[in-house]
Amino acid sequence: MNNPKFQVFKSTANNEFYYRLRAANGEPILSGEGYTSKQSCFQGIEAVKGNAPWESRYDRRDSYGNYTFNLKAANGEIIGRSENYPTSGVRENGINAVKRDAPNAPVEDLS
C-alpha cells in the first residue's frame, strides 16, 4: 500500500459497517464503531476528517506498556479509536499520521 486510506467493510458477525484508517505503510491507525448503515459509516469518516487536524480532539490513554488514543468530536463523543502502541512516542507518531493523512485520505469501500 502506497497511500493512506479509509477502508469501509461490513462485519459478518453483526452485519454492521466499520471503517479503519490505514497509514501509508498499510498498518491500521484508527478505527470506528459499528454503524447500522453504510451512509452512517461514511458520515463517521467525514467527522474524522473534520476533527483530525485539531490537537485538542485527541485523548491520550496510558497504561503500563500500552498506549492508545481516542479522537473525539467537538461535543466530546469518541469518533475513532487507535491501535495499541508499545510506547508513548510511537503513539505520538500515530496521532501525527492521523492529523496529516485523515483529512484527505480516500475511501475504499470493501463492503
N, C-alpha and C. Protein backbone atom coordinates (compact mmCIF):
# COMPACT_ATOMS: atom_id res chain seq x y z
N MET A 1 0.85 -1.18 0.00
CA MET A 1 0.00 0.00 0.00
C MET A 1 0.89 1.24 0.00
N ASN A 2 0.64 2.15 -0.91
CA ASN A 2 1.47 3.35 -1.01
C ASN A 2 0.82 4.58 -0.42
N ASN A 3 -0.49 4.56 -0.28
CA ASN A 3 -1.18 5.76 0.17
C ASN A 3 -2.06 5.45 1.36
N PRO A 4 -2.15 6.41 2.31
CA PRO A 4 -3.09 6.22 3.40
C PRO A 4 -4.51 6.24 2.85
N LYS A 5 -5.40 5.49 3.52
CA LYS A 5 -6.79 5.48 3.06
C LYS A 5 -7.70 4.94 4.15
N PHE A 6 -8.96 5.32 4.05
CA PHE A 6 -10.01 4.73 4.87
C PHE A 6 -10.53 3.51 4.13
N GLN A 7 -10.84 2.49 4.88
CA GLN A 7 -11.49 1.31 4.31
C GLN A 7 -12.81 1.09 5.05
N VAL A 8 -13.87 0.88 4.30
CA VAL A 8 -15.18 0.57 4.86
C VAL A 8 -15.45 -0.90 4.60
N PHE A 9 -15.89 -1.60 5.64
CA PHE A 9 -16.19 -3.02 5.49
C PHE A 9 -17.38 -3.38 6.36
N LYS A 10 -18.00 -4.50 6.02
CA LYS A 10 -19.16 -4.98 6.75
C LYS A 10 -18.78 -6.24 7.52
N SER A 11 -19.08 -6.25 8.79
CA SER A 11 -18.77 -7.39 9.64
C SER A 11 -19.74 -8.54 9.37
N THR A 12 -19.21 -9.73 9.25
CA THR A 12 -20.08 -10.90 9.10
C THR A 12 -20.66 -11.33 10.45
N ALA A 13 -20.06 -10.86 11.54
CA ALA A 13 -20.53 -11.23 12.88
C ALA A 13 -21.83 -10.51 13.26
N ASN A 14 -21.93 -9.23 12.88
CA ASN A 14 -23.11 -8.46 13.30
C ASN A 14 -23.76 -7.64 12.18
N ASN A 15 -23.25 -7.78 10.97
CA ASN A 15 -23.78 -7.07 9.80
C ASN A 15 -23.71 -5.55 9.93
N GLU A 16 -22.81 -5.04 10.76
CA GLU A 16 -22.62 -3.60 10.87
C GLU A 16 -21.44 -3.17 10.01
N PHE A 17 -21.44 -1.89 9.67
CA PHE A 17 -20.38 -1.31 8.85
C PHE A 17 -19.34 -0.65 9.78
N TYR A 18 -18.09 -0.81 9.42
CA TYR A 18 -16.98 -0.24 10.17
C TYR A 18 -16.03 0.45 9.21
N TYR A 19 -15.23 1.36 9.76
CA TYR A 19 -14.14 1.93 8.96
C TYR A 19 -12.84 1.75 9.73
N ARG A 20 -11.77 1.74 8.98
CA ARG A 20 -10.43 1.80 9.56
C ARG A 20 -9.61 2.73 8.68
N LEU A 21 -8.73 3.48 9.29
CA LEU A 21 -7.79 4.32 8.56
C LEU A 21 -6.46 3.60 8.57
N ARG A 22 -5.95 3.37 7.37
CA ARG A 22 -4.64 2.72 7.23
C ARG A 22 -3.60 3.77 6.86
N ALA A 23 -2.44 3.64 7.46
CA ALA A 23 -1.31 4.53 7.16
C ALA A 23 -0.71 4.14 5.81
N ALA A 24 0.22 4.95 5.35
CA ALA A 24 0.86 4.68 4.06
C ALA A 24 1.55 3.32 4.03
N ASN A 25 2.00 2.84 5.20
CA ASN A 25 2.67 1.54 5.27
C ASN A 25 1.68 0.38 5.37
N GLY A 26 0.39 0.68 5.35
CA GLY A 26 -0.63 -0.36 5.38
C GLY A 26 -1.13 -0.72 6.77
N GLU A 27 -0.47 -0.21 7.80
CA GLU A 27 -0.87 -0.52 9.17
C GLU A 27 -2.12 0.28 9.56
N PRO A 28 -3.05 -0.36 10.27
CA PRO A 28 -4.22 0.39 10.75
C PRO A 28 -3.82 1.33 11.88
N ILE A 29 -4.34 2.56 11.86
CA ILE A 29 -4.01 3.52 12.91
C ILE A 29 -5.24 4.07 13.63
N LEU A 30 -6.41 3.90 13.04
CA LEU A 30 -7.64 4.40 13.68
C LEU A 30 -8.81 3.59 13.16
N SER A 31 -9.77 3.31 14.04
CA SER A 31 -10.96 2.59 13.61
C SER A 31 -12.19 3.17 14.29
N GLY A 32 -13.32 2.91 13.68
CA GLY A 32 -14.57 3.45 14.18
C GLY A 32 -15.47 2.37 14.75
N GLU A 33 -16.54 2.84 15.38
CA GLU A 33 -17.54 1.94 15.94
C GLU A 33 -18.36 1.31 14.83
N GLY A 34 -19.22 0.38 15.19
CA GLY A 34 -20.10 -0.24 14.22
C GLY A 34 -21.28 0.67 13.90
N TYR A 35 -21.64 0.73 12.64
CA TYR A 35 -22.76 1.53 12.16
C TYR A 35 -23.78 0.61 11.49
N THR A 36 -25.05 0.89 11.69
CA THR A 36 -26.09 0.04 11.10
C THR A 36 -26.28 0.29 9.62
N SER A 37 -25.83 1.45 9.13
CA SER A 37 -25.94 1.73 7.69
C SER A 37 -24.59 2.20 7.14
N LYS A 38 -24.39 1.93 5.87
CA LYS A 38 -23.16 2.37 5.22
C LYS A 38 -23.08 3.90 5.20
N GLN A 39 -24.21 4.57 4.98
CA GLN A 39 -24.24 6.03 4.97
C GLN A 39 -23.76 6.60 6.31
N SER A 40 -24.18 6.00 7.41
CA SER A 40 -23.73 6.46 8.73
C SER A 40 -22.23 6.26 8.89
N CYS A 41 -21.71 5.18 8.36
CA CYS A 41 -20.28 4.92 8.42
C CYS A 41 -19.51 6.00 7.64
N PHE A 42 -20.01 6.35 6.47
CA PHE A 42 -19.38 7.42 5.69
C PHE A 42 -19.45 8.75 6.43
N GLN A 43 -20.53 8.99 7.15
CA GLN A 43 -20.64 10.22 7.95
C GLN A 43 -19.61 10.21 9.08
N GLY A 44 -19.37 9.04 9.66
CA GLY A 44 -18.34 8.91 10.68
C GLY A 44 -16.96 9.25 10.13
N ILE A 45 -16.68 8.81 8.92
CA ILE A 45 -15.40 9.13 8.27
C ILE A 45 -15.29 10.64 8.07
N GLU A 46 -16.36 11.27 7.64
CA GLU A 46 -16.34 12.73 7.44
C GLU A 46 -16.08 13.45 8.76
N ALA A 47 -16.64 12.94 9.86
CA ALA A 47 -16.38 13.53 11.17
C ALA A 47 -14.91 13.40 11.54
N VAL A 48 -14.31 12.25 11.23
CA VAL A 48 -12.88 12.07 11.49
C VAL A 48 -12.07 13.06 10.66
N LYS A 49 -12.39 13.17 9.39
CA LYS A 49 -11.66 14.09 8.53
C LYS A 49 -11.70 15.52 9.05
N GLY A 50 -12.85 15.93 9.56
CA GLY A 50 -13.00 17.30 10.05
C GLY A 50 -12.35 17.56 11.39
N ASN A 51 -12.25 16.53 12.23
CA ASN A 51 -11.69 16.71 13.57
C ASN A 51 -10.22 16.33 13.69
N ALA A 52 -9.71 15.57 12.74
CA ALA A 52 -8.34 15.05 12.82
C ALA A 52 -7.26 16.13 12.98
N PRO A 53 -7.36 17.28 12.32
CA PRO A 53 -6.27 18.26 12.43
C PRO A 53 -6.13 18.93 13.80
N TRP A 54 -7.13 18.83 14.65
CA TRP A 54 -7.17 19.59 15.90
C TRP A 54 -6.55 18.81 17.06
N GLU A 55 -5.46 19.30 17.58
CA GLU A 55 -4.76 18.67 18.71
C GLU A 55 -5.70 18.44 19.90
N SER A 56 -6.57 19.38 20.16
CA SER A 56 -7.46 19.29 21.33
C SER A 56 -8.46 18.13 21.24
N ARG A 57 -8.59 17.51 20.08
CA ARG A 57 -9.55 16.42 19.90
C ARG A 57 -8.97 15.05 20.27
N TYR A 58 -7.68 15.00 20.63
CA TYR A 58 -7.03 13.73 20.93
C TYR A 58 -6.97 13.51 22.44
N ASP A 59 -7.47 12.37 22.85
CA ASP A 59 -7.47 11.96 24.24
C ASP A 59 -6.49 10.79 24.37
N ARG A 60 -5.36 11.05 25.00
CA ARG A 60 -4.32 10.04 25.14
C ARG A 60 -4.58 9.18 26.38
N ARG A 61 -4.35 7.87 26.23
CA ARG A 61 -4.55 6.91 27.32
C ARG A 61 -3.26 6.14 27.54
N ASP A 62 -2.84 6.08 28.80
CA ASP A 62 -1.61 5.39 29.16
C ASP A 62 -1.89 4.28 30.17
N SER A 63 -1.32 3.13 29.92
CA SER A 63 -1.23 2.09 30.93
C SER A 63 0.10 1.38 30.70
N TYR A 64 0.52 0.62 31.63
CA TYR A 64 1.84 0.02 31.55
C TYR A 64 2.01 -0.77 30.25
N GLY A 65 2.91 -0.30 29.40
CA GLY A 65 3.22 -0.99 28.16
C GLY A 65 2.14 -0.90 27.09
N ASN A 66 1.14 -0.06 27.30
CA ASN A 66 0.05 0.05 26.33
C ASN A 66 -0.40 1.51 26.24
N TYR A 67 -0.21 2.10 25.08
CA TYR A 67 -0.54 3.50 24.88
C TYR A 67 -1.53 3.60 23.72
N THR A 68 -2.61 4.31 23.94
CA THR A 68 -3.65 4.45 22.92
C THR A 68 -4.12 5.90 22.88
N PHE A 69 -4.98 6.20 21.92
CA PHE A 69 -5.64 7.49 21.89
C PHE A 69 -7.03 7.33 21.28
N ASN A 70 -7.88 8.25 21.66
CA ASN A 70 -9.21 8.37 21.06
C ASN A 70 -9.29 9.72 20.36
N LEU A 71 -9.94 9.75 19.23
CA LEU A 71 -10.22 11.00 18.54
C LEU A 71 -11.67 11.36 18.87
N LYS A 72 -11.87 12.58 19.35
CA LYS A 72 -13.21 13.00 19.77
C LYS A 72 -13.72 14.14 18.89
N ALA A 73 -15.03 14.19 18.76
CA ALA A 73 -15.68 15.31 18.08
C ALA A 73 -15.72 16.49 19.05
N ALA A 74 -16.14 17.64 18.55
CA ALA A 74 -16.21 18.84 19.39
C ALA A 74 -17.13 18.65 20.59
N ASN A 75 -18.13 17.79 20.46
CA ASN A 75 -19.05 17.54 21.57
C ASN A 75 -18.52 16.51 22.57
N GLY A 76 -17.30 16.01 22.37
CA GLY A 76 -16.69 15.06 23.27
C GLY A 76 -16.95 13.60 22.95
N GLU A 77 -17.76 13.33 21.93
CA GLU A 77 -18.07 11.95 21.55
C GLU A 77 -16.87 11.33 20.85
N ILE A 78 -16.54 10.09 21.21
CA ILE A 78 -15.44 9.38 20.56
C ILE A 78 -15.87 8.99 19.15
N ILE A 79 -15.06 9.38 18.17
CA ILE A 79 -15.36 9.06 16.78
C ILE A 79 -14.33 8.12 16.16
N GLY A 80 -13.24 7.87 16.88
CA GLY A 80 -12.22 6.94 16.40
C GLY A 80 -11.33 6.49 17.54
N ARG A 81 -10.91 5.25 17.47
CA ARG A 81 -10.02 4.67 18.48
C ARG A 81 -8.75 4.17 17.79
N SER A 82 -7.64 4.38 18.48
CA SER A 82 -6.36 3.97 17.90
C SER A 82 -6.08 2.50 18.13
N GLU A 83 -5.04 2.05 17.50
CA GLU A 83 -4.47 0.75 17.79
C GLU A 83 -3.70 0.87 19.11
N ASN A 84 -3.20 -0.23 19.61
CA ASN A 84 -2.36 -0.22 20.82
C ASN A 84 -0.92 0.00 20.40
N TYR A 85 -0.24 0.87 21.15
CA TYR A 85 1.16 1.19 20.86
C TYR A 85 2.03 0.83 22.06
N PRO A 86 3.28 0.38 21.82
CA PRO A 86 4.15 -0.04 22.92
C PRO A 86 4.77 1.10 23.71
N THR A 87 4.86 2.29 23.11
CA THR A 87 5.44 3.44 23.79
C THR A 87 4.63 4.69 23.47
N SER A 88 4.80 5.71 24.32
CA SER A 88 4.09 6.97 24.06
C SER A 88 4.63 7.65 22.81
N GLY A 89 5.91 7.46 22.51
CA GLY A 89 6.48 8.06 21.31
C GLY A 89 5.89 7.50 20.04
N VAL A 90 5.70 6.19 20.02
CA VAL A 90 5.10 5.56 18.84
C VAL A 90 3.63 5.99 18.72
N ARG A 91 2.96 6.13 19.87
CA ARG A 91 1.58 6.64 19.84
C ARG A 91 1.53 8.04 19.23
N GLU A 92 2.48 8.90 19.59
CA GLU A 92 2.51 10.25 19.03
C GLU A 92 2.72 10.20 17.52
N ASN A 93 3.50 9.25 17.04
CA ASN A 93 3.65 9.07 15.60
C ASN A 93 2.31 8.72 14.97
N GLY A 94 1.53 7.88 15.64
CA GLY A 94 0.20 7.52 15.15
C GLY A 94 -0.72 8.72 15.09
N ILE A 95 -0.70 9.54 16.14
CA ILE A 95 -1.52 10.76 16.15
C ILE A 95 -1.12 11.68 15.02
N ASN A 96 0.18 11.87 14.85
CA ASN A 96 0.65 12.74 13.77
C ASN A 96 0.25 12.21 12.40
N ALA A 97 0.24 10.90 12.24
CA ALA A 97 -0.19 10.31 10.96
C ALA A 97 -1.68 10.57 10.73
N VAL A 98 -2.51 10.45 11.77
CA VAL A 98 -3.94 10.74 11.61
C VAL A 98 -4.14 12.21 11.26
N LYS A 99 -3.45 13.10 11.97
CA LYS A 99 -3.57 14.54 11.68
C LYS A 99 -3.21 14.85 10.23
N ARG A 100 -2.14 14.25 9.77
CA ARG A 100 -1.61 14.52 8.44
C ARG A 100 -2.44 13.85 7.34
N ASP A 101 -2.83 12.58 7.56
CA ASP A 101 -3.38 11.78 6.49
C ASP A 101 -4.90 11.76 6.41
N ALA A 102 -5.59 11.79 7.54
CA ALA A 102 -7.05 11.60 7.52
C ALA A 102 -7.80 12.65 6.72
N PRO A 103 -7.46 13.93 6.81
CA PRO A 103 -8.29 14.94 6.13
C PRO A 103 -8.45 14.72 4.62
N ASN A 104 -7.45 14.16 3.98
CA ASN A 104 -7.50 13.99 2.52
C ASN A 104 -7.47 12.54 2.06
N ALA A 105 -7.58 11.62 3.00
CA ALA A 105 -7.47 10.20 2.62
C ALA A 105 -8.71 9.76 1.84
N PRO A 106 -8.50 9.03 0.76
CA PRO A 106 -9.64 8.50 0.01
C PRO A 106 -10.30 7.36 0.77
N VAL A 107 -11.49 7.01 0.34
CA VAL A 107 -12.25 5.94 0.98
C VAL A 107 -12.36 4.76 0.02
N GLU A 108 -11.99 3.60 0.49
CA GLU A 108 -12.10 2.36 -0.28
C GLU A 108 -13.25 1.55 0.33
N ASP A 109 -14.25 1.27 -0.46
CA ASP A 109 -15.42 0.53 0.02
C ASP A 109 -15.19 -0.96 -0.22
N LEU A 110 -14.98 -1.71 0.84
CA LEU A 110 -14.76 -3.15 0.75
C LEU A 110 -16.02 -3.95 1.03
N SER A 111 -17.10 -3.25 1.30
CA SER A 111 -18.34 -3.96 1.66
C SER A 111 -18.98 -4.42 0.40
